[in-house]
Amino acid sequence: MSTRIEDYGVVGDLHTVGLVGRDGSLDWLCLPDLDSPACFAALLGDERHGFWRVAPASGGVCTRRRYRGDSLVLETEWETPDGHVRVTDLMPPRGEDPHVVRIVEGLRGRVTVESLLVPRLDYGSIVPWISEAGTTLGGRTTSIRFVAGPDALRFSAPVSADVAGGAVRSRVEVTPGDRIPFVLAHYRSHLPEPARLDPHDALVDTLDFWSDWIGQTDYDGRWQQPVRRSLLTLKALTFAPTGAIAAAATTSLPEQPGGPRNWDYRYC
């Protein structure tokens, strides 16, 4: 793990939680639930164990990062020599199946942004079978399916993609006003694929959900923002079907780096 645990941002849908680094890499995500095996586990090892990075092709850590208001919608921005770009990450309130939505937005100049998706199921131990499921009229791949036993993932984006070595790589140049969505859905491989969601509607729905939820608090004492963010974090770690709260979203991190005591606090 090259990123410190405290440098990760959180996205979640009250069933599971993903961790996004300052380099735009989703390095930890268990699907479909918080206690499921991870499909991105670079947090525990390295890129061989699965990740999904959406960031300027030139690389590097972000210039700034924030949550949009009182929500779990994470905004990451890069100022590069070529321009300014933002990636908005979210997991919309769950319907039947979980989705990760990542929206690339051009703010200034012309920036080439790369999506590099490397799913590795069962904590990085399984390279899934990959099939291309659809193309646009221009021949650009827009839907790619990954299958590993009972688990399936569907990657969708309105850009071309190259598939090689168990990874999917896409590059797109964005200018001011461009908004390019990338969507990853999980479902059971023996069931029909989930309906496609509109990523921009999903962003609005997610912001509305968190605004409505945090709006129930009437706390007006000191440290209002830290208190509200703590409440949001506790809610993010709450498993909606049962109300159980996990002590942490991660597993197998040592109490001390290099030490023998590793814990899994998801089963609380």
C-alpha atoms as a PDB file:
ATOM      1  CA  MET A   1       0.000   0.000   0.000  1.00  0.00           C
ATOM      2  CA  SER A   2       1.659   3.218  -1.186  1.00  0.00           C
ATOM      3  CA  THR A   3      -1.093   5.508   0.133  1.00  0.00           C
ATOM      4  CA  ARG A   4      -1.525   6.137   3.844  1.00  0.00           C
ATOM      5  CA  ILE A   5      -4.857   4.932   5.218  1.00  0.00           C
ATOM      6  CA  GLU A   6      -5.677   8.464   6.399  1.00  0.00           C
ATOM      7  CA  ASP A   7      -5.317   9.759   2.820  1.00  0.00           C
ATOM      8  CA  TYR A   8      -8.251   7.736   1.502  1.00  0.00           C
ATOM      9  CA  GLY A   9     -11.666   9.231   0.819  1.00  0.00           C
ATOM     10  CA  VAL A  10     -14.835   7.220   1.374  1.00  0.00           C
ATOM     11  CA  VAL A  11     -17.771   6.380  -0.890  1.00  0.00           C
ATOM     12  CA  GLY A  12     -20.563   3.999   0.071  1.00  0.00           C
ATOM     13  CA  ASP A  13     -24.199   2.992  -0.367  1.00  0.00           C
ATOM     14  CA  LEU A  14     -25.048   1.693   3.157  1.00  0.00           C
ATOM     15  CA  HIS A  15     -24.229  -1.857   2.083  1.00  0.00           C
ATOM     16  CA  THR A  16     -20.530  -1.494   1.363  1.00  0.00           C
ATOM     17  CA  VAL A  17     -17.711   1.073   1.371  1.00  0.00           C
ATOM     18  CA  GLY A  18     -14.989   1.959  -1.138  1.00  0.00           C
ATOM     19  CA  LEU A  19     -11.730   3.821  -0.449  1.00  0.00           C
ATOM     20  CA  VAL A  20     -10.302   6.256  -3.029  1.00  0.00           C
ATOM     21  CA  GLY A  21      -6.711   7.521  -2.832  1.00  0.00           C
ATOM     22  CA  ARG A  22      -5.382  10.977  -3.665  1.00  0.00           C
ATOM     23  CA  ASP A  23      -4.136   9.567  -6.959  1.00  0.00           C
ATOM     24  CA  GLY A  24      -7.721   8.766  -8.000  1.00  0.00           C
ATOM     25  CA  SER A  25      -7.342   5.035  -7.396  1.00  0.00           C
ATOM     26  CA  LEU A  26     -10.165   3.003  -5.865  1.00  0.00           C
ATOM     27  CA  ASP A  27      -7.976   0.604  -3.876  1.00  0.00           C
ATOM     28  CA  TRP A  28     -10.531  -1.122  -1.656  1.00  0.00           C
ATOM     29  CA  LEU A  29     -14.073  -2.261  -2.399  1.00  0.00           C
ATOM     30  CA  CYS A  30     -15.985  -5.339  -1.316  1.00  0.00           C
ATOM     31  CA  LEU A  31     -19.022  -6.306  -3.391  1.00  0.00           C
ATOM     32  CA  PRO A  32     -21.866  -6.751  -2.969  1.00  0.00           C
ATOM     33  CA  ASP A  33     -21.624  -6.159   0.812  1.00  0.00           C
ATOM     34  CA  LEU A  34     -19.219  -4.828   3.421  1.00  0.00           C
ATOM     35  CA  ASP A  35     -18.255  -8.351   4.547  1.00  0.00           C
ATOM     36  CA  SER A  36     -17.903  -9.765   1.005  1.00  0.00           C
ATOM     37  CA  PRO A  37     -14.496 -10.577  -0.507  1.00  0.00           C
ATOM     38  CA  ALA A  38     -12.811  -7.542  -2.077  1.00  0.00           C
ATOM     39  CA  CYS A  39     -12.717  -7.029  -5.849  1.00  0.00           C
ATOM     40  CA  PHE A  40     -10.215  -4.163  -5.404  1.00  0.00           C
ATOM     41  CA  ALA A  41      -7.617  -4.996  -2.757  1.00  0.00           C
ATOM     42  CA  ALA A  42      -4.545  -2.915  -3.650  1.00  0.00           C
ATOM     43  CA  LEU A  43      -4.947  -1.397  -0.185  1.00  0.00           C
ATOM     44  CA  LEU A  44      -3.598  -4.650   1.263  1.00  0.00           C
ATOM     45  CA  GLY A  45      -0.964  -5.388  -1.357  1.00  0.00           C
ATOM     46  CA  ASP A  46      -0.278  -3.620  -4.640  1.00  0.00           C
ATOM     47  CA  GLU A  47      -1.861  -3.066  -8.033  1.00  0.00           C
ATOM     48  CA  ARG A  48      -1.740  -6.791  -8.804  1.00  0.00           C
ATOM     49  CA  HIS A  49      -4.531  -7.222  -6.270  1.00  0.00           C
ATOM     50  CA  GLY A  50      -7.041  -4.991  -8.046  1.00  0.00           C
ATOM     51  CA  PHE A  51      -7.780  -1.273  -8.357  1.00  0.00           C
ATOM     52  CA  TRP A  52      -9.619   1.259 -10.507  1.00  0.00           C
ATOM     53  CA  ARG A  53      -7.829   4.531 -11.164  1.00  0.00           C
ATOM     54  CA  VAL A  54      -9.472   7.498 -12.896  1.00  0.00           C
ATOM     55  CA  ALA A  55      -7.084  10.439 -13.109  1.00  0.00           C
ATOM     56  CA  PRO A  56      -5.074  12.552 -15.563  1.00  0.00           C
ATOM     57  CA  ALA A  57      -2.922  10.321 -17.753  1.00  0.00           C
ATOM     58  CA  SER A  58       0.103  12.277 -16.544  1.00  0.00           C
ATOM     59  CA  GLY A  59      -0.486  10.808 -13.066  1.00  0.00           C
ATOM     60  CA  GLY A  60       0.289  12.297  -9.691  1.00  0.00           C
ATOM     61  CA  VAL A  61      -1.652  13.119  -6.553  1.00  0.00           C
ATOM     62  CA  CYS A  62      -4.568  15.516  -6.659  1.00  0.00           C
ATOM     63  CA  THR A  63      -4.372  19.268  -6.123  1.00  0.00           C
ATOM     64  CA  ARG A  64      -7.444  19.348  -3.893  1.00  0.00           C
ATOM     65  CA  ARG A  65     -10.178  17.048  -2.655  1.00  0.00           C
ATOM     66  CA  ARG A  66     -13.434  17.442  -0.742  1.00  0.00           C
ATOM     67  CA  TYR A  67     -16.843  15.954  -0.111  1.00  0.00           C
ATOM     68  CA  ARG A  68     -19.634  17.884  -1.779  1.00  0.00           C
ATOM     69  CA  GLY A  69     -21.497  19.401   1.147  1.00  0.00           C
ATOM     70  CA  ASP A  70     -22.716  16.967   3.789  1.00  0.00           C
ATOM     71  CA  SER A  71     -22.569  13.856   1.620  1.00  0.00           C
ATOM     72  CA  LEU A  72     -20.439  10.894   0.587  1.00  0.00           C
ATOM     73  CA  VAL A  73     -19.994  12.345  -2.904  1.00  0.00           C
ATOM     74  CA  LEU A  74     -16.233  12.747  -3.253  1.00  0.00           C
ATOM     75  CA  GLU A  75     -14.712  15.371  -5.557  1.00  0.00           C
ATOM     76  CA  THR A  76     -11.032  15.121  -6.558  1.00  0.00           C
ATOM     77  CA  GLU A  77      -9.350  17.797  -8.685  1.00  0.00           C
ATOM     78  CA  TRP A  78      -6.063  18.038 -10.539  1.00  0.00           C
ATOM     79  CA  GLU A  79      -4.398  21.217 -11.805  1.00  0.00           C
ATOM     80  CA  THR A  80      -2.048  20.134 -14.591  1.00  0.00           C
ATOM     81  CA  PRO A  81       0.089  22.092 -17.072  1.00  0.00           C
ATOM     82  CA  ASP A  82      -2.614  21.332 -19.672  1.00  0.00           C
ATOM     83  CA  GLY A  83      -5.657  22.270 -17.627  1.00  0.00           C
ATOM     84  CA  HIS A  84      -7.937  21.566 -14.701  1.00  0.00           C
ATOM     85  CA  VAL A  85     -10.093  18.447 -14.291  1.00  0.00           C
ATOM     86  CA  ARG A  86     -12.406  17.016 -11.628  1.00  0.00           C
ATOM     87  CA  VAL A  87     -13.439  13.426 -10.883  1.00  0.00           C
ATOM     88  CA  THR A  88     -16.649  12.973  -8.881  1.00  0.00           C
ATOM     89  CA  ASP A  89     -17.027   9.588  -7.166  1.00  0.00           C
ATOM     90  CA  LEU A  90     -20.192   8.174  -5.628  1.00  0.00           C
ATOM     91  CA  MET A  91     -22.177   5.057  -4.871  1.00  0.00           C
ATOM     92  CA  PRO A  92     -25.889   5.855  -5.294  1.00  0.00           C
ATOM     93  CA  PRO A  93     -28.434   4.585  -2.736  1.00  0.00           C
ATOM     94  CA  ARG A  94     -28.823   0.955  -3.624  1.00  0.00           C
ATOM     95  CA  GLY A  95     -31.711  -0.437  -5.584  1.00  0.00           C
ATOM     96  CA  GLU A  96     -31.335  -4.056  -6.581  1.00  0.00           C
ATOM     97  CA  ASP A  97     -27.579  -4.019  -7.291  1.00  0.00           C
ATOM     98  CA  PRO A  98     -24.582  -1.857  -6.277  1.00  0.00           C
ATOM     99  CA  HIS A  99     -23.077   0.718  -8.638  1.00  0.00           C
ATOM    100  CA  VAL A 100     -19.937   2.843  -8.557  1.00  0.00           C
ATOM    101  CA  VAL A 101     -20.229   6.058 -10.581  1.00  0.00           C
ATOM    102  CA  ARG A 102     -17.182   8.132 -11.548  1.00  0.00           C
ATOM    103  CA  ILE A 103     -17.806  11.333 -13.537  1.00  0.00           C
ATOM    104  CA  VAL A 104     -14.907  13.143 -15.237  1.00  0.00           C
ATOM    105  CA  GLU A 105     -15.487  16.866 -15.724  1.00  0.00           C
ATOM    106  CA  GLY A 106     -13.331  19.291 -17.703  1.00  0.00           C
ATOM    107  CA  LEU A 107     -12.903  22.660 -15.982  1.00  0.00           C
ATOM    108  CA  ARG A 108     -10.089  24.393 -17.902  1.00  0.00           C
ATOM    109  CA  GLY A 109      -7.821  23.630 -20.837  1.00  0.00           C
ATOM    110  CA  ARG A 110      -7.559  20.182 -22.414  1.00  0.00           C
ATOM    111  CA  VAL A 111      -6.658  17.265 -20.147  1.00  0.00           C
ATOM    112  CA  THR A 112      -6.264  13.623 -21.127  1.00  0.00           C
ATOM    113  CA  VAL A 113      -7.837  11.454 -18.439  1.00  0.00           C
ATOM    114  CA  GLU A 114      -7.229   7.729 -18.132  1.00  0.00           C
ATOM    115  CA  SER A 115      -9.456   5.077 -16.584  1.00  0.00           C
ATOM    116  CA  LEU A 116      -7.520   1.919 -15.731  1.00  0.00           C
ATOM    117  CA  LEU A 117      -9.798  -0.795 -14.379  1.00  0.00           C
ATOM    118  CA  VAL A 118      -8.126  -3.933 -12.973  1.00  0.00           C
ATOM    119  CA  PRO A 119     -10.699  -6.038 -11.081  1.00  0.00           C
ATOM    120  CA  ARG A 120      -9.318  -8.973  -9.109  1.00  0.00           C
ATOM    121  CA  LEU A 121     -11.959 -10.943  -7.291  1.00  0.00           C
ATOM    122  CA  ASP A 122     -11.612 -12.734  -3.944  1.00  0.00           C
ATOM    123  CA  TYR A 123      -9.037 -10.337  -2.460  1.00  0.00           C
ATOM    124  CA  GLY A 124      -6.920 -10.224  -5.597  1.00  0.00           C
ATOM    125  CA  SER A 125      -6.672 -13.978  -6.139  1.00  0.00           C
ATOM    126  CA  ILE A 126      -8.945 -14.352  -9.201  1.00  0.00           C
ATOM    127  CA  VAL A 127      -8.509 -12.753 -12.626  1.00  0.00           C
ATOM    128  CA  PRO A 128     -12.043 -12.612 -14.055  1.00  0.00           C
ATOM    129  CA  TRP A 129     -13.138 -13.737 -17.492  1.00  0.00           C
ATOM    130  CA  ILE A 130     -13.713 -10.639 -19.664  1.00  0.00           C
ATOM    131  CA  SER A 131     -16.095 -10.190 -22.578  1.00  0.00           C
ATOM    132  CA  GLU A 132     -16.992  -7.113 -24.603  1.00  0.00           C
ATOM    133  CA  ALA A 133     -20.761  -6.754 -24.538  1.00  0.00           C
ATOM    134  CA  GLY A 134     -21.473  -3.724 -26.708  1.00  0.00           C
ATOM    135  CA  THR A 135     -20.104  -1.001 -28.989  1.00  0.00           C
ATOM    136  CA  THR A 136     -21.262   2.366 -30.252  1.00  0.00           C
ATOM    137  CA  LEU A 137     -21.809   3.204 -33.900  1.00  0.00           C
ATOM    138  CA  GLY A 138     -18.284   4.549 -34.002  1.00  0.00           C
ATOM    139  CA  GLY A 139     -16.894   1.219 -32.865  1.00  0.00           C
ATOM    140  CA  ARG A 140     -16.104   2.418 -29.352  1.00  0.00           C
ATOM    141  CA  THR A 141     -16.532  -0.160 -26.608  1.00  0.00           C
ATOM    142  CA  THR A 142     -19.150   0.948 -24.098  1.00  0.00           C
ATOM    143  CA  SER A 143     -19.949  -2.199 -22.119  1.00  0.00           C
ATOM    144  CA  ILE A 144     -17.561  -4.815 -20.794  1.00  0.00           C
ATOM    145  CA  ARG A 145     -18.472  -7.786 -18.593  1.00  0.00           C
ATOM    146  CA  PHE A 146     -16.277  -9.495 -15.989  1.00  0.00           C
ATOM    147  CA  VAL A 147     -17.216 -12.878 -14.512  1.00  0.00           C
ATOM    148  CA  ALA A 148     -15.622 -14.840 -11.671  1.00  0.00           C
ATOM    149  CA  GLY A 149     -17.794 -17.679 -10.388  1.00  0.00           C
ATOM    150  CA  PRO A 150     -20.975 -16.238  -8.850  1.00  0.00           C
ATOM    151  CA  ASP A 151     -19.846 -12.626  -9.261  1.00  0.00           C
ATOM    152  CA  ALA A 152     -20.178 -10.419 -12.321  1.00  0.00           C
ATOM    153  CA  LEU A 153     -19.189  -6.809 -12.979  1.00  0.00           C
ATOM    154  CA  ARG A 154     -20.302  -4.581 -15.845  1.00  0.00           C
ATOM    155  CA  PHE A 155     -18.222  -1.574 -16.889  1.00  0.00           C
ATOM    156  CA  SER A 156     -19.956   1.077 -18.987  1.00  0.00           C
ATOM    157  CA  ALA A 157     -18.552   4.288 -20.479  1.00  0.00           C
ATOM    158  CA  PRO A 158     -19.149   6.355 -23.648  1.00  0.00           C
ATOM    159  CA  VAL A 159     -15.492   6.120 -24.657  1.00  0.00           C
ATOM    160  CA  SER A 160     -13.296   3.597 -26.425  1.00  0.00           C
ATOM    161  CA  ALA A 161     -11.512   0.957 -24.353  1.00  0.00           C
ATOM    162  CA  ASP A 162      -8.623  -1.453 -24.763  1.00  0.00           C
ATOM    163  CA  VAL A 163      -8.773  -4.843 -23.063  1.00  0.00           C
ATOM    164  CA  ALA A 164      -5.490  -6.612 -22.322  1.00  0.00           C
ATOM    165  CA  GLY A 165      -3.938  -8.579 -19.484  1.00  0.00           C
ATOM    166  CA  GLY A 166      -7.126  -8.699 -17.451  1.00  0.00           C
ATOM    167  CA  ALA A 167      -7.398  -4.886 -17.466  1.00  0.00           C
ATOM    168  CA  VAL A 168      -9.530  -2.315 -19.252  1.00  0.00           C
ATOM    169  CA  ARG A 169      -7.904   0.983 -20.208  1.00  0.00           C
ATOM    170  CA  SER A 170      -9.760   4.031 -21.539  1.00  0.00           C
ATOM    171  CA  ARG A 171      -8.449   7.484 -22.426  1.00  0.00           C
ATOM    172  CA  VAL A 172     -10.475  10.590 -23.148  1.00  0.00           C
ATOM    173  CA  GLU A 173      -9.536  14.235 -23.641  1.00  0.00           C
ATOM    174  CA  VAL A 174     -11.859  16.596 -21.766  1.00  0.00           C
ATOM    175  CA  THR A 175     -12.412  20.321 -22.195  1.00  0.00           C
ATOM    176  CA  PRO A 176     -14.535  22.774 -20.167  1.00  0.00           C
ATOM    177  CA  GLY A 177     -18.140  21.589 -20.001  1.00  0.00           C
ATOM    178  CA  ASP A 178     -17.379  17.939 -20.805  1.00  0.00           C
ATOM    179  CA  ARG A 179     -18.828  15.405 -18.338  1.00  0.00           C
ATOM    180  CA  ILE A 180     -17.852  11.805 -19.059  1.00  0.00           C
ATOM    181  CA  PRO A 181     -19.372   9.099 -16.805  1.00  0.00           C
ATOM    182  CA  PHE A 182     -17.828   5.728 -15.993  1.00  0.00           C
ATOM    183  CA  VAL A 183     -20.098   3.204 -14.250  1.00  0.00           C
ATOM    184  CA  LEU A 184     -19.325  -0.161 -12.657  1.00  0.00           C
ATOM    185  CA  ALA A 185     -22.201  -2.427 -11.586  1.00  0.00           C
ATOM    186  CA  HIS A 186     -22.062  -5.688  -9.628  1.00  0.00           C
ATOM    187  CA  TYR A 187     -24.591  -8.509  -9.958  1.00  0.00           C
ATOM    188  CA  ARG A 188     -24.845 -12.269  -9.598  1.00  0.00           C
ATOM    189  CA  SER A 189     -23.523 -13.938 -12.729  1.00  0.00           C
ATOM    190  CA  HIS A 190     -26.450 -16.365 -13.034  1.00  0.00           C
ATOM    191  CA  LEU A 191     -28.994 -13.523 -13.018  1.00  0.00           C
ATOM    192  CA  PRO A 192     -29.883 -10.995 -15.732  1.00  0.00           C
ATOM    193  CA  GLU A 193     -27.757  -7.861 -15.920  1.00  0.00           C
ATOM    194  CA  PRO A 194     -29.103  -4.938 -13.872  1.00  0.00           C
ATOM    195  CA  ALA A 195     -30.913  -2.072 -15.544  1.00  0.00           C
ATOM    196  CA  ARG A 196     -28.621   0.760 -16.586  1.00  0.00           C
ATOM    197  CA  LEU A 197     -28.814   3.850 -14.442  1.00  0.00           C
ATOM    198  CA  ASP A 198     -28.370   7.430 -15.573  1.00  0.00           C
ATOM    199  CA  PRO A 199     -25.138   8.548 -13.840  1.00  0.00           C
ATOM    200  CA  HIS A 200     -26.133  12.205 -13.719  1.00  0.00           C
ATOM    201  CA  ASP A 201     -29.521  11.391 -12.176  1.00  0.00           C
ATOM    202  CA  ALA A 202     -27.691   9.092  -9.760  1.00  0.00           C
ATOM    203  CA  LEU A 203     -25.529  12.023  -8.635  1.00  0.00           C
ATOM    204  CA  VAL A 204     -28.608  14.149  -7.908  1.00  0.00           C
ATOM    205  CA  ASP A 205     -30.332  11.271  -6.087  1.00  0.00           C
ATOM    206  CA  THR A 206     -27.247  10.590  -3.970  1.00  0.00           C
ATOM    207  CA  LEU A 207     -26.842  14.224  -2.953  1.00  0.00           C
ATOM    208  CA  ASP A 208     -30.550  14.408  -2.098  1.00  0.00           C
ATOM    209  CA  PHE A 209     -30.344  11.236  -0.002  1.00  0.00           C
ATOM    210  CA  TRP A 210     -27.472  12.478   2.159  1.00  0.00           C
ATOM    211  CA  SER A 211     -28.941  15.957   2.455  1.00  0.00           C
ATOM    212  CA  ASP A 212     -32.255  14.537   3.646  1.00  0.00           C
ATOM    213  CA  TRP A 213     -30.554  12.217   6.118  1.00  0.00           C
ATOM    214  CA  ILE A 214     -28.206  14.750   7.728  1.00  0.00           C
ATOM    215  CA  GLY A 215     -31.045  17.261   7.759  1.00  0.00           C
ATOM    216  CA  GLN A 216     -32.597  15.278  10.600  1.00  0.00           C
ATOM    217  CA  THR A 217     -29.950  16.500  13.061  1.00  0.00           C
ATOM    218  CA  ASP A 218     -30.639  19.623  15.093  1.00  0.00           C
ATOM    219  CA  TYR A 219     -27.202  19.844  16.732  1.00  0.00           C
ATOM    220  CA  ASP A 220     -26.150  23.495  17.021  1.00  0.00           C
ATOM    221  CA  GLY A 221     -23.214  23.269  19.450  1.00  0.00           C
ATOM    222  CA  ARG A 222     -19.483  23.641  18.907  1.00  0.00           C
ATOM    223  CA  TRP A 223     -17.589  21.926  16.076  1.00  0.00           C
ATOM    224  CA  GLN A 224     -20.682  21.513  13.931  1.00  0.00           C
ATOM    225  CA  GLN A 225     -18.838  20.405  10.796  1.00  0.00           C
ATOM    226  CA  PRO A 226     -16.701  17.716  12.499  1.00  0.00           C
ATOM    227  CA  VAL A 227     -19.802  16.448  14.318  1.00  0.00           C
ATOM    228  CA  ARG A 228     -21.815  16.262  11.094  1.00  0.00           C
ATOM    229  CA  ARG A 229     -18.958  14.541   9.238  1.00  0.00           C
ATOM    230  CA  SER A 230     -18.637  12.020  12.078  1.00  0.00           C
ATOM    231  CA  LEU A 231     -22.345  11.266  11.810  1.00  0.00           C
ATOM    232  CA  LEU A 232     -21.997  10.757   8.054  1.00  0.00           C
ATOM    233  CA  THR A 233     -19.046   8.413   8.593  1.00  0.00           C
ATOM    234  CA  LEU A 234     -20.981   6.336  11.129  1.00  0.00           C
ATOM    235  CA  LYS A 235     -23.917   6.184   8.726  1.00  0.00           C
ATOM    236  CA  ALA A 236     -21.577   5.063   5.929  1.00  0.00           C
ATOM    237  CA  LEU A 237     -20.439   2.148   8.129  1.00  0.00           C
ATOM    238  CA  THR A 238     -24.022   1.133   8.936  1.00  0.00           C
ATOM    239  CA  PHE A 239     -25.294  -1.936   7.070  1.00  0.00           C
ATOM    240  CA  ALA A 240     -28.785  -0.859   6.027  1.00  0.00           C
ATOM    241  CA  PRO A 241     -30.537  -4.275   6.030  1.00  0.00           C
ATOM    242  CA  THR A 242     -29.755  -4.899   9.726  1.00  0.00           C
ATOM    243  CA  GLY A 243     -28.608  -1.588  11.234  1.00  0.00           C
ATOM    244  CA  ALA A 244     -25.297  -3.149  12.332  1.00  0.00           C
ATOM    245  CA  ILE A 245     -22.335  -0.746  12.439  1.00  0.00           C
ATOM    246  CA  ALA A 246     -18.899  -1.972  11.381  1.00  0.00           C
ATOM    247  CA  ALA A 247     -15.941  -0.615  13.337  1.00  0.00           C
ATOM    248  CA  ALA A 248     -14.010  -0.152  10.072  1.00  0.00           C
ATOM    249  CA  ALA A 249     -14.449  -0.839   6.371  1.00  0.00           C
ATOM    250  CA  THR A 250     -11.111  -2.622   5.975  1.00  0.00           C
ATOM    251  CA  THR A 251      -9.509  -5.923   6.909  1.00  0.00           C
ATOM    252  CA  SER A 252      -6.037  -7.355   7.518  1.00  0.00           C
ATOM    253  CA  LEU A 253      -4.292  -4.058   8.228  1.00  0.00           C
ATOM    254  CA  PRO A 254      -1.663  -4.441  10.972  1.00  0.00           C
ATOM    255  CA  GLU A 255      -2.080  -2.665  14.275  1.00  0.00           C
ATOM    256  CA  GLN A 256       1.517  -1.581  13.723  1.00  0.00           C
ATOM    257  CA  PRO A 257       3.206  -1.645  10.278  1.00  0.00           C
ATOM    258  CA  GLY A 258       5.201  -4.857  10.102  1.00  0.00           C
ATOM    259  CA  GLY A 259       3.558  -6.172  13.265  1.00  0.00           C
ATOM    260  CA  PRO A 260       1.792  -9.527  13.712  1.00  0.00           C
ATOM    261  CA  ARG A 261      -1.647  -8.293  14.870  1.00  0.00           C
ATOM    262  CA  ASN A 262      -4.041  -7.913  11.927  1.00  0.00           C
ATOM    263  CA  TRP A 263      -7.734  -7.280  12.426  1.00  0.00           C
ATOM    264  CA  ASP A 264     -10.990  -7.524  10.518  1.00  0.00           C
ATOM    265  CA  TYR A 265     -13.494  -5.110  12.030  1.00  0.00           C
ATOM    266  CA  ARG A 266     -16.150  -5.575   9.347  1.00  0.00           C
ATOM    267  CA  TYR A 267     -17.825  -8.386  11.290  1.00  0.00           C
ATOM    268  CA  CYS A 268     -19.127  -6.339  14.227  1.00  0.00           C
END
